[in-house]
Amino acid sequence: MFSHIFRPRGPVAVQSPRQDSGSKTRNTIYSDKRTSTGSEVSITDVEAGFLAGQRSKREQWKNTLLLNALLAKLRRTPSNDSDPDGKPSKRSRRPFCTNILLGVVLLGVTIAFLILEISRHSSHPQNGVELISSRWGLPSPSTQQALTTWPTSFTRDINPLPCHSHNDYWRRVPLYDALSAGCTGVEADVWFDPRSPNDLFVGHTRRSLTSARTLKSLYIDPLLTILNNQNAASNFSAITSLTNDTTNDTNTENSPSQNNNNNNNAKIGVFDTAPTQSLTLLIDLKTPSSNTFPAVLAAIQPLLAAGYLTTYSPTTNLLTPGPITIVATGNTDFAADILSPGNTAPVRSIFFDAPLPSLSTDDPTAQDMLYNTTNSYYASVSFEREIGKQVFGMMTPEQVWKVRRQVEGARRRGLVSRYWDADGGRSRGEREEGVWKVLVREGVGRLNVDDLEGGREFLGGWEGGRGR
C-alpha cells in the first residue's frame, strides 16, 4: 500500500501474509545499501511512524475545523433561535439586551460614586475657617471676604478638642487647619534676624525661612482679624464669662485670683461652640532669648492692646483669662524673661512652658512650686526621652505610673501637661491603642499631634474628649 510513497533502492523481500503469525509475516526487511554497515530498518516501524504523523495532522485539522464551526455558530446560529429568514429571534436577542442593561446600570453606579467622592472632598465650606483653607494662596480680597462672610460664626460646627498642633507652620494652611480640626493649641518656631529686627521668621530650620512667613503674617494678624470679627459690636452680644482652662479643682496657697470678666465687655474666643475656650499659641524661640524675647513681646502687642491675651498682674495677683494664651519655650529664660524684676510691664502676657518632670514629686516644696499659673501655662517634656520606648506600641506599668505622677503634678499646679514626640514613628493603630489611649486616660492636658485628622477622630470619639 505504500509502494507509491517508498521507493527503496535495494531488494525488498516480502513474505506471504498467509504464513503463521510467529513467522516473518510482518518482518519485511528493507536493506539500505547506502549504509556502510548494512543496517536494516523494519518497514513496520516506518509504517507506524507515518500513520502516527497522519493521525496527528488529522487531529489538528479536526480541532481547527471544530473551533471554526463553533465560532461560526456563535456568530450566527440559524437553528431554533432564528426566524425563517435567518434573523435572530427575540429569544436570542434577550441575553444581549440584558447584558447591555446591566452595563448601563453599572456605569451609572460608578458615575454616582465618583460624583459623591468628588463632592465629599470638595464640599462647600461650612464655616469661615474652611472657606479660607479652600482659598489659601488666592489674592487677599478672597481671604477678607471669607472673614466677613461669617462675622460671628467663623468656626461654626467646630468643637474644640484638647490637641496641640505640633509644628503647625508645616500645615498646608497654618493656623486654619488646626482650628478646623478643633485643636486648642498651635505652635510656631521663631527666629530673630538682626538684619530685620521688626520681624520674627517662622520655620523649623534657617534654610526654611522666607520673608513671607513671619509670626505676624501667619499668626498675629490672622488671629487679630478673626477675634475682631468674633467680637464685632452688636446689641445682642452679651455673653457669659470667659474662663481659662488652666483652672481646676485644686487650689494652692499661691494660686492667684481669677478675673472671670462677668460683664458684656468680655472677649469671646475663636470657637463659636465654646466661646470661653482660650487658644494657646506656643512660641518656640530658636535664637537666643536676649534678642528674640523682646521681639516676641513687641509682636504680640496688637493682641494685648485689644484685650485678647491672658494676663497676670503681679500687683493685684489677678489672672485674667483671654481668647489667646501666649506660651514661650525653647531658648526662653524663665528667670530672665518671665520672672525678671526689671520687667516694667504692668501685666505678664507671656507664660512659661515648665519642665514637666520636675512637677512629679509627691511632697511639693517651695522650689517645686516655683512653676504655677502666675508664670506658666504648659508643662512639657519629650515623651521618648522621659518615658522611653514601648514594646509593640504598649507602655509598661512603670511607664504608665510615671506618666500618672507627672500629669497629676501639673494638674495640682493648675498647669496643662503635654508630651511631644508622643506619636512620632508609630502607626495610627499603635498610637490610638497604645500611647494616646494611656495619655488621655491619665488626663494629659494636651495631646501633642502631628496627624490632625487622626487626632480629631481619636479625641472626638473619646468619652469626654472636649478640651478641659
Protein backbone atom coordinates (compact mmCIF):
# COMPACT_ATOMS: atom_id res chain seq x y z
CA MET A 1 0.00 0.00 0.00
CA PHE A 2 2.99 2.31 0.38
CA SER A 3 4.64 1.42 -2.93
CA HIS A 4 3.72 4.81 -4.37
CA ILE A 5 5.48 6.55 -1.48
CA PHE A 6 8.53 4.48 -0.65
CA ARG A 7 10.94 3.80 -3.48
CA PRO A 8 13.64 1.56 -1.94
CA ARG A 9 16.88 1.29 -3.87
CA GLY A 10 17.63 -2.25 -2.72
CA PRO A 11 15.72 -5.52 -2.91
CA VAL A 12 12.68 -5.96 -0.74
CA ALA A 13 11.63 -9.39 0.37
CA VAL A 14 8.03 -9.76 1.40
CA GLN A 15 6.58 -12.92 2.85
CA SER A 16 3.11 -14.04 2.16
CA PRO A 17 0.58 -12.90 4.71
CA ARG A 18 -0.76 -16.47 4.84
CA GLN A 19 2.18 -17.65 6.89
CA ASP A 20 1.97 -18.11 10.62
CA SER A 21 1.90 -15.03 12.80
CA GLY A 22 5.00 -16.20 14.58
CA SER A 23 6.97 -16.23 11.33
CA LYS A 24 8.25 -13.23 9.45
CA THR A 25 4.86 -12.21 8.07
CA ARG A 26 5.26 -8.62 9.21
CA ASN A 27 9.06 -8.71 9.36
CA THR A 28 9.63 -7.42 5.91
CA ILE A 29 13.18 -6.26 5.62
CA TYR A 30 14.37 -3.25 3.77
CA SER A 31 18.07 -3.28 3.05
CA ASP A 32 19.59 0.12 2.67
CA LYS A 33 22.68 -0.23 0.59
CA ARG A 34 23.59 3.39 1.25
CA THR A 35 24.86 2.49 4.71
CA SER A 36 28.25 1.02 5.04
CA THR A 37 27.20 -1.19 7.93
CA GLY A 38 24.33 -2.74 6.09
CA SER A 39 21.83 -1.60 8.69
CA GLU A 40 18.27 -2.70 8.19
CA VAL A 41 15.06 -0.80 9.05
CA SER A 42 11.76 -2.57 9.57
CA ILE A 43 9.08 -1.37 7.25
CA THR A 44 6.65 -1.89 10.11
CA ASP A 45 8.38 0.85 12.02
CA VAL A 46 8.24 3.12 9.02
CA GLU A 47 4.55 2.43 8.55
CA ALA A 48 3.83 3.10 12.25
CA GLY A 49 5.65 6.42 12.20
CA PHE A 50 3.87 7.52 9.06
CA LEU A 51 0.46 6.61 10.47
CA ALA A 52 1.21 8.45 13.72
CA GLY A 53 2.14 11.56 11.78
CA GLN A 54 -1.00 11.33 9.69
CA ARG A 55 -3.18 10.89 12.79
CA SER A 56 -1.54 13.95 14.39
CA LYS A 57 -2.24 16.08 11.34
CA ARG A 58 -5.82 14.81 11.13
CA GLU A 59 -6.37 15.68 14.80
CA GLN A 60 -5.03 19.16 14.26
CA TRP A 61 -7.25 19.72 11.27
CA LYS A 62 -10.23 18.30 13.15
CA ASN A 63 -9.65 20.63 16.10
CA THR A 64 -9.27 23.58 13.76
CA LEU A 65 -12.48 22.70 11.92
CA LEU A 66 -14.37 22.23 15.20
CA LEU A 67 -13.15 25.59 16.51
CA ASN A 68 -14.11 27.36 13.29
CA ALA A 69 -17.52 25.71 13.36
CA LEU A 70 -18.06 26.76 16.98
CA LEU A 71 -17.09 30.35 16.25
CA ALA A 72 -19.36 30.40 13.23
CA LYS A 73 -22.21 29.09 15.33
CA LEU A 74 -21.64 31.77 17.93
CA ARG A 75 -21.69 34.44 15.24
CA ARG A 76 -24.77 33.18 13.50
CA THR A 77 -26.94 30.33 14.75
CA PRO A 78 -29.91 29.95 12.40
CA SER A 79 -31.41 26.99 14.28
CA ASN A 80 -34.28 27.20 16.75
CA ASP A 81 -33.33 30.74 17.83
CA SER A 82 -33.67 32.16 14.30
CA ASP A 83 -36.55 33.33 12.28
CA PRO A 84 -37.23 31.55 8.99
CA ASP A 85 -35.40 34.32 7.16
CA GLY A 86 -32.22 33.73 9.24
CA LYS A 87 -32.55 36.76 11.51
CA PRO A 88 -32.07 36.24 15.30
CA SER A 89 -35.34 35.73 17.13
CA LYS A 90 -36.47 37.72 20.17
CA ARG A 91 -35.35 34.90 22.45
CA SER A 92 -31.81 35.04 21.06
CA ARG A 93 -31.70 38.82 21.38
CA ARG A 94 -32.79 38.73 25.07
CA PRO A 95 -29.35 37.89 26.61
CA PHE A 96 -27.74 40.63 24.55
CA CYS A 97 -30.25 43.23 25.77
CA THR A 98 -29.84 42.04 29.35
CA ASN A 99 -26.08 42.50 29.16
CA ILE A 100 -26.49 45.99 27.73
CA LEU A 101 -28.90 46.91 30.55
CA LEU A 102 -26.54 45.58 33.23
CA GLY A 103 -23.66 47.54 31.70
CA VAL A 104 -25.68 50.76 31.77
CA VAL A 105 -26.65 50.18 35.42
CA LEU A 106 -23.03 49.52 36.46
CA LEU A 107 -21.86 52.59 34.59
CA GLY A 108 -24.48 54.72 36.33
CA VAL A 109 -23.49 53.40 39.77
CA THR A 110 -19.81 54.11 39.06
CA ILE A 111 -20.54 57.66 37.93
CA ALA A 112 -22.71 58.30 41.01
CA PHE A 113 -19.95 57.00 43.30
CA LEU A 114 -17.36 59.25 41.65
CA ILE A 115 -19.66 62.27 41.98
CA LEU A 116 -20.18 61.56 45.69
CA GLU A 117 -16.45 61.20 46.31
CA ILE A 118 -15.65 64.42 44.46
CA SER A 119 -18.36 66.32 46.32
CA ARG A 120 -17.19 64.91 49.66
CA HIS A 121 -13.61 66.07 49.11
CA SER A 122 -14.59 69.39 47.59
CA SER A 123 -17.70 70.13 49.58
CA HIS A 124 -18.93 73.64 50.06
CA PRO A 125 -17.20 75.27 53.05
CA GLN A 126 -19.34 75.12 56.17
CA ASN A 127 -17.65 77.97 58.01
CA GLY A 128 -15.09 80.73 57.60
CA VAL A 129 -12.15 78.51 58.53
CA GLU A 130 -12.94 76.02 55.77
CA LEU A 131 -13.55 78.83 53.28
CA ILE A 132 -10.14 80.38 53.95
CA SER A 133 -8.47 76.95 53.71
CA SER A 134 -10.15 76.35 50.33
CA ARG A 135 -8.99 79.75 49.04
CA TRP A 136 -5.50 79.67 50.53
CA GLY A 137 -2.97 81.23 48.17
CA LEU A 138 -5.51 83.36 46.32
CA PRO A 139 -5.30 87.18 46.45
CA SER A 140 -6.04 88.73 49.84
CA PRO A 141 -9.54 90.07 48.97
CA SER A 142 -10.81 86.47 48.89
CA THR A 143 -9.49 85.92 52.40
CA GLN A 144 -11.13 89.12 53.61
CA GLN A 145 -14.40 88.01 52.04
CA ALA A 146 -14.13 84.71 53.93
CA LEU A 147 -13.60 86.56 57.19
CA THR A 148 -16.62 88.77 56.69
CA THR A 149 -18.95 86.04 55.39
CA TRP A 150 -19.34 84.64 58.89
CA PRO A 151 -18.78 87.71 61.09
CA THR A 152 -19.90 85.96 64.28
CA SER A 153 -19.93 82.28 63.34
CA PHE A 154 -16.47 81.88 61.90
CA THR A 155 -15.85 78.43 63.43
CA ARG A 156 -19.39 77.13 63.28
CA ASP A 157 -19.76 73.38 63.98
CA ILE A 158 -16.13 73.04 65.14
CA ASN A 159 -15.82 71.52 68.61
CA PRO A 160 -12.60 72.38 70.47
CA LEU A 161 -10.51 69.37 71.49
CA PRO A 162 -7.50 69.05 73.82
CA CYS A 163 -5.00 68.66 70.99
CA HIS A 164 -1.89 70.69 70.23
CA SER A 165 -0.89 71.18 66.58
CA HIS A 166 2.81 70.34 66.69
CA ASN A 167 4.94 72.37 64.25
CA ASP A 168 1.77 73.97 62.99
CA TYR A 169 3.60 76.02 60.36
CA TRP A 170 4.14 72.79 58.39
CA ARG A 171 0.43 72.54 57.68
CA ARG A 172 -0.86 73.34 54.22
CA VAL A 173 -2.69 76.28 55.79
CA PRO A 174 -1.04 77.21 59.10
CA LEU A 175 -3.40 78.02 61.98
CA TYR A 176 -6.58 77.43 59.96
CA ASP A 177 -6.03 73.68 59.51
CA ALA A 178 -5.54 73.34 63.27
CA LEU A 179 -8.67 75.38 64.01
CA SER A 180 -10.65 73.29 61.53
CA ALA A 181 -9.57 70.14 63.42
CA GLY A 182 -10.62 71.72 66.72
CA CYS A 183 -7.11 71.96 68.16
CA THR A 184 -6.85 74.36 71.11
CA GLY A 185 -3.09 74.77 70.78
CA VAL A 186 -0.80 75.74 67.88
CA GLU A 187 2.98 76.01 67.71
CA ALA A 188 5.34 78.33 65.85
CA ASP A 189 9.16 78.19 65.81
CA VAL A 190 10.54 81.73 65.52
CA TRP A 191 13.94 83.08 64.51
CA PHE A 192 15.34 86.56 65.11
CA ASP A 193 17.46 88.16 62.40
CA PRO A 194 19.27 91.41 63.31
CA ARG A 195 19.05 92.50 59.67
CA SER A 196 15.26 92.61 60.09
CA PRO A 197 14.68 93.32 63.79
CA ASN A 198 10.97 94.03 63.40
CA ASP A 199 10.21 90.55 62.07
CA LEU A 200 10.27 87.09 63.58
CA PHE A 201 10.61 84.44 60.89
CA VAL A 202 8.77 81.14 61.25
CA GLY A 203 10.33 77.83 60.25
CA HIS A 204 11.94 74.64 61.50
CA THR A 205 15.45 75.45 60.28
CA ARG A 206 17.22 78.55 58.98
CA ARG A 207 17.18 77.15 55.46
CA SER A 208 13.38 77.02 55.52
CA LEU A 209 12.90 80.70 56.41
CA THR A 210 11.31 83.13 53.97
CA SER A 211 10.33 86.76 54.26
CA ALA A 212 6.68 85.86 53.59
CA ARG A 213 6.37 83.52 56.59
CA THR A 214 6.58 85.55 59.77
CA LEU A 215 4.93 85.35 63.17
CA LYS A 216 2.94 88.44 62.25
CA SER A 217 1.69 87.19 58.88
CA LEU A 218 0.93 83.59 59.86
CA TYR A 219 -0.47 84.04 63.37
CA ILE A 220 -0.74 87.54 64.87
CA ASP A 221 -2.61 89.24 62.03
CA PRO A 222 -4.98 86.30 61.30
CA LEU A 223 -5.85 85.90 64.98
CA LEU A 224 -6.40 89.62 65.33
CA THR A 225 -8.76 89.66 62.35
CA ILE A 226 -10.67 86.57 63.49
CA LEU A 227 -11.18 87.91 67.00
CA ASN A 228 -12.18 91.36 65.75
CA ASN A 229 -14.94 89.72 63.71
CA GLN A 230 -15.91 87.38 66.53
CA ASN A 231 -16.23 90.33 68.90
CA ALA A 232 -17.92 92.70 66.47
CA ALA A 233 -20.15 95.26 68.14
CA SER A 234 -23.75 94.12 68.42
CA ASN A 235 -26.80 94.93 70.50
CA PHE A 236 -27.23 91.20 71.09
CA SER A 237 -23.65 90.23 72.01
CA ALA A 238 -24.00 89.73 75.78
CA ILE A 239 -22.01 86.62 76.67
CA THR A 240 -21.07 84.54 79.65
CA SER A 241 -17.74 84.89 81.42
CA LEU A 242 -14.57 83.80 79.69
CA THR A 243 -12.62 81.18 81.61
CA ASN A 244 -9.10 79.97 81.03
CA ASP A 245 -8.69 76.21 81.06
CA THR A 246 -5.71 76.44 83.42
CA THR A 247 -8.18 76.39 86.32
CA ASN A 248 -9.00 73.13 88.03
CA ASP A 249 -10.49 71.74 91.18
CA THR A 250 -7.25 72.04 93.14
CA ASN A 251 -6.40 75.43 94.66
CA THR A 252 -2.99 76.13 96.10
CA GLU A 253 -1.79 78.74 98.51
CA ASN A 254 -0.09 80.69 95.75
CA SER A 255 -2.93 80.49 93.28
CA PRO A 256 -3.94 83.95 92.01
CA SER A 257 -7.45 85.30 91.95
CA GLN A 258 -9.15 84.91 88.59
CA ASN A 259 -11.00 87.69 86.84
CA ASN A 260 -13.90 85.96 85.12
CA ASN A 261 -14.97 89.14 83.30
CA ASN A 262 -18.63 88.82 84.21
CA ASN A 263 -19.68 91.71 82.01
CA ASN A 264 -20.58 92.45 78.45
CA ASN A 265 -17.06 93.74 77.71
CA ALA A 266 -15.53 90.24 77.99
CA LYS A 267 -13.89 88.97 74.81
CA ILE A 268 -15.01 85.73 73.26
CA GLY A 269 -12.62 83.25 71.68
CA VAL A 270 -12.22 81.75 68.24
CA PHE A 271 -14.61 78.80 68.78
CA ASP A 272 -18.30 79.56 68.33
CA THR A 273 -19.32 76.33 70.02
CA ALA A 274 -17.20 77.21 73.08
CA PRO A 275 -16.66 80.99 73.15
CA THR A 276 -14.92 80.81 76.55
CA GLN A 277 -12.21 78.45 75.30
CA SER A 278 -8.73 80.02 75.15
CA LEU A 279 -6.44 79.15 72.23
CA THR A 280 -2.79 78.51 73.15
CA LEU A 281 -0.10 79.97 70.90
CA LEU A 282 3.18 78.24 71.78
CA ILE A 283 6.18 80.24 70.54
CA ASP A 284 9.41 78.25 70.39
CA LEU A 285 12.43 80.59 70.47
CA LYS A 286 15.13 79.16 68.19
CA THR A 287 17.55 82.06 68.59
CA PRO A 288 18.98 83.49 71.84
CA SER A 289 16.30 84.98 74.05
CA SER A 290 18.24 88.18 74.68
CA ASN A 291 17.11 89.44 71.26
CA THR A 292 14.22 87.11 70.45
CA PHE A 293 12.08 87.50 73.59
CA PRO A 294 11.82 91.33 73.32
CA ALA A 295 10.86 90.86 69.66
CA VAL A 296 8.09 88.46 70.70
CA LEU A 297 6.81 90.99 73.25
CA ALA A 298 6.67 93.61 70.52
CA ALA A 299 4.95 91.26 68.05
CA ILE A 300 2.06 90.39 70.41
CA GLN A 301 1.31 93.99 71.40
CA PRO A 302 -1.67 94.33 68.98
CA LEU A 303 -3.35 91.33 70.62
CA LEU A 304 -2.57 92.65 74.08
CA ALA A 305 -3.88 96.15 73.29
CA ALA A 306 -7.15 94.68 72.00
CA GLY A 307 -7.65 92.73 75.22
CA TYR A 308 -7.32 89.32 73.58
CA LEU A 309 -4.49 87.89 75.73
CA THR A 310 -4.50 86.04 79.00
CA THR A 311 -2.61 88.23 81.51
CA TYR A 312 -1.42 88.18 85.10
CA SER A 313 -0.98 91.28 87.25
CA PRO A 314 1.75 90.89 89.91
CA THR A 315 0.44 93.97 91.65
CA THR A 316 -3.09 92.68 92.19
CA ASN A 317 -2.28 88.96 91.93
CA LEU A 318 -5.06 88.74 89.37
CA LEU A 319 -5.13 86.28 86.47
CA THR A 320 -7.34 87.45 83.61
CA PRO A 321 -8.15 84.78 81.01
CA GLY A 322 -8.27 85.84 77.37
CA PRO A 323 -9.13 84.31 74.00
CA ILE A 324 -5.40 83.75 73.35
CA THR A 325 -2.77 82.48 75.79
CA ILE A 326 0.86 83.05 74.74
CA VAL A 327 3.40 80.46 75.95
CA ALA A 328 7.16 80.73 75.38
CA THR A 329 9.51 77.75 75.17
CA GLY A 330 12.79 76.78 73.53
CA ASN A 331 15.53 79.27 74.42
CA THR A 332 13.24 81.23 76.73
CA ASP A 333 14.99 82.01 80.02
CA PHE A 334 12.50 81.51 82.84
CA ALA A 335 14.29 83.72 85.34
CA ALA A 336 15.45 86.47 82.98
CA ASP A 337 12.45 86.63 80.68
CA ILE A 338 9.46 85.53 82.74
CA LEU A 339 10.40 86.47 86.30
CA SER A 340 12.71 89.39 85.56
CA PRO A 341 12.31 92.09 88.25
CA GLY A 342 13.38 94.59 85.64
CA ASN A 343 10.29 93.89 83.58
CA THR A 344 8.34 97.13 83.89
CA ALA A 345 5.25 95.80 82.11
CA PRO A 346 2.16 96.21 84.30
CA VAL A 347 0.95 92.71 83.42
CA ARG A 348 2.54 89.44 82.34
CA SER A 349 1.30 88.45 78.90
CA ILE A 350 3.73 85.59 78.12
CA PHE A 351 3.76 82.43 80.19
CA PHE A 352 6.38 79.72 80.51
CA ASP A 353 6.44 76.12 79.30
CA ALA A 354 7.50 74.47 82.58
CA PRO A 355 9.60 71.27 82.74
CA LEU A 356 7.09 68.52 83.39
CA PRO A 357 9.48 66.04 85.12
CA SER A 358 10.18 68.50 87.92
CA LEU A 359 6.48 68.55 88.87
CA SER A 360 6.06 64.86 89.65
CA THR A 361 7.14 64.83 93.32
CA ASP A 362 4.60 63.69 95.87
CA ASP A 363 5.84 66.13 98.52
CA PRO A 364 5.85 69.62 96.98
CA THR A 365 8.49 72.03 98.27
CA ALA A 366 8.91 75.76 97.79
CA GLN A 367 11.24 75.15 94.84
CA ASP A 368 8.86 72.58 93.40
CA MET A 369 6.00 75.10 93.48
CA LEU A 370 8.04 77.64 91.54
CA TYR A 371 6.01 76.89 88.40
CA ASN A 372 2.35 77.85 88.80
CA THR A 373 -0.43 79.68 86.98
CA THR A 374 1.11 83.10 87.69
CA ASN A 375 4.09 82.40 85.44
CA SER A 376 3.47 79.16 83.49
CA TYR A 377 0.79 77.52 81.42
CA TYR A 378 2.14 74.39 79.72
CA ALA A 379 4.30 71.76 81.42
CA SER A 380 6.01 69.73 78.71
CA VAL A 381 8.69 67.14 78.04
CA SER A 382 9.79 64.80 75.25
CA PHE A 383 7.92 61.52 75.54
CA GLU A 384 10.73 59.46 74.04
CA ARG A 385 13.39 60.96 76.29
CA GLU A 386 11.37 60.93 79.53
CA ILE A 387 9.15 57.85 79.23
CA GLY A 388 11.20 55.72 76.84
CA LYS A 389 10.48 53.18 74.14
CA GLN A 390 7.49 50.85 74.10
CA VAL A 391 7.27 47.17 73.28
CA PHE A 392 4.91 46.64 70.34
CA GLY A 393 3.48 50.11 70.98
CA MET A 394 2.35 49.24 74.51
CA MET A 395 3.52 51.01 77.68
CA THR A 396 4.78 49.12 80.69
CA PRO A 397 3.16 49.58 84.13
CA GLU A 398 6.23 51.56 85.25
CA GLN A 399 5.87 53.93 82.30
CA VAL A 400 2.16 54.40 82.98
CA TRP A 401 2.88 55.18 86.62
CA LYS A 402 5.49 57.76 85.62
CA VAL A 403 3.03 59.50 83.30
CA ARG A 404 0.37 59.46 86.02
CA ARG A 405 2.64 61.17 88.55
CA GLN A 406 3.77 63.86 86.10
CA VAL A 407 0.27 64.63 84.84
CA GLU A 408 -1.02 64.81 88.40
CA GLY A 409 1.88 67.09 89.41
CA ALA A 410 0.99 69.52 86.62
CA ARG A 411 -2.71 69.40 87.49
CA ARG A 412 -2.02 70.25 91.14
CA ARG A 413 -0.31 73.44 89.99
CA GLY A 414 -3.04 74.35 87.51
CA LEU A 415 -0.79 73.67 84.50
CA VAL A 416 -1.55 71.86 81.25
CA SER A 417 0.62 68.77 80.76
CA ARG A 418 1.93 67.91 77.31
CA TYR A 419 4.29 65.31 75.81
CA TRP A 420 5.85 65.98 72.45
CA ASP A 421 7.13 63.12 70.26
CA ALA A 422 4.29 61.01 71.60
CA ASP A 423 3.14 59.94 68.13
CA GLY A 424 6.36 60.04 66.15
CA GLY A 425 7.31 56.89 64.22
CA ARG A 426 4.22 54.95 65.29
CA SER A 427 1.39 53.64 63.19
CA ARG A 428 -2.07 55.05 63.74
CA GLY A 429 -3.22 51.87 65.45
CA GLU A 430 -0.22 51.86 67.80
CA ARG A 431 -0.86 55.48 68.74
CA GLU A 432 -4.57 55.13 69.38
CA GLU A 433 -4.46 51.80 71.22
CA GLY A 434 -1.15 52.43 72.97
CA VAL A 435 0.34 55.81 73.83
CA TRP A 436 -2.61 58.08 73.05
CA LYS A 437 -5.05 55.89 74.91
CA VAL A 438 -2.90 55.90 78.05
CA LEU A 439 -2.20 59.64 77.92
CA VAL A 440 -5.86 60.59 77.56
CA ARG A 441 -6.95 58.09 80.16
CA GLU A 442 -4.41 59.52 82.63
CA GLY A 443 -5.73 63.04 81.99
CA VAL A 444 -2.97 64.66 79.92
CA GLY A 445 -3.80 68.34 79.34
CA ARG A 446 -2.96 68.46 75.62
CA LEU A 447 -2.41 65.63 73.19
CA ASN A 448 0.52 66.67 71.01
CA VAL A 449 -0.39 65.62 67.44
CA ASP A 450 1.23 65.69 64.03
CA ASP A 451 -1.71 63.90 62.40
CA LEU A 452 -4.56 66.39 62.78
CA GLU A 453 -7.20 64.17 61.21
CA GLY A 454 -6.19 61.19 63.33
CA GLY A 455 -6.13 63.30 66.48
CA ARG A 456 -9.57 64.75 65.80
CA GLU A 457 -11.13 61.34 65.17
CA PHE A 458 -9.50 59.83 68.25
CA LEU A 459 -10.36 62.64 70.67
CA GLY A 460 -13.78 63.18 69.17
CA GLY A 461 -14.64 59.54 69.80
CA TRP A 462 -13.17 59.54 73.30
CA GLU A 463 -15.72 59.99 76.08
CA GLY A 464 -15.27 63.47 77.50
CA GLY A 465 -12.91 64.36 74.66
CA ARG A 466 -13.63 68.09 74.68
CA GLY A 467 -10.94 70.49 75.90
CA ARG A 468 -10.66 70.88 79.63
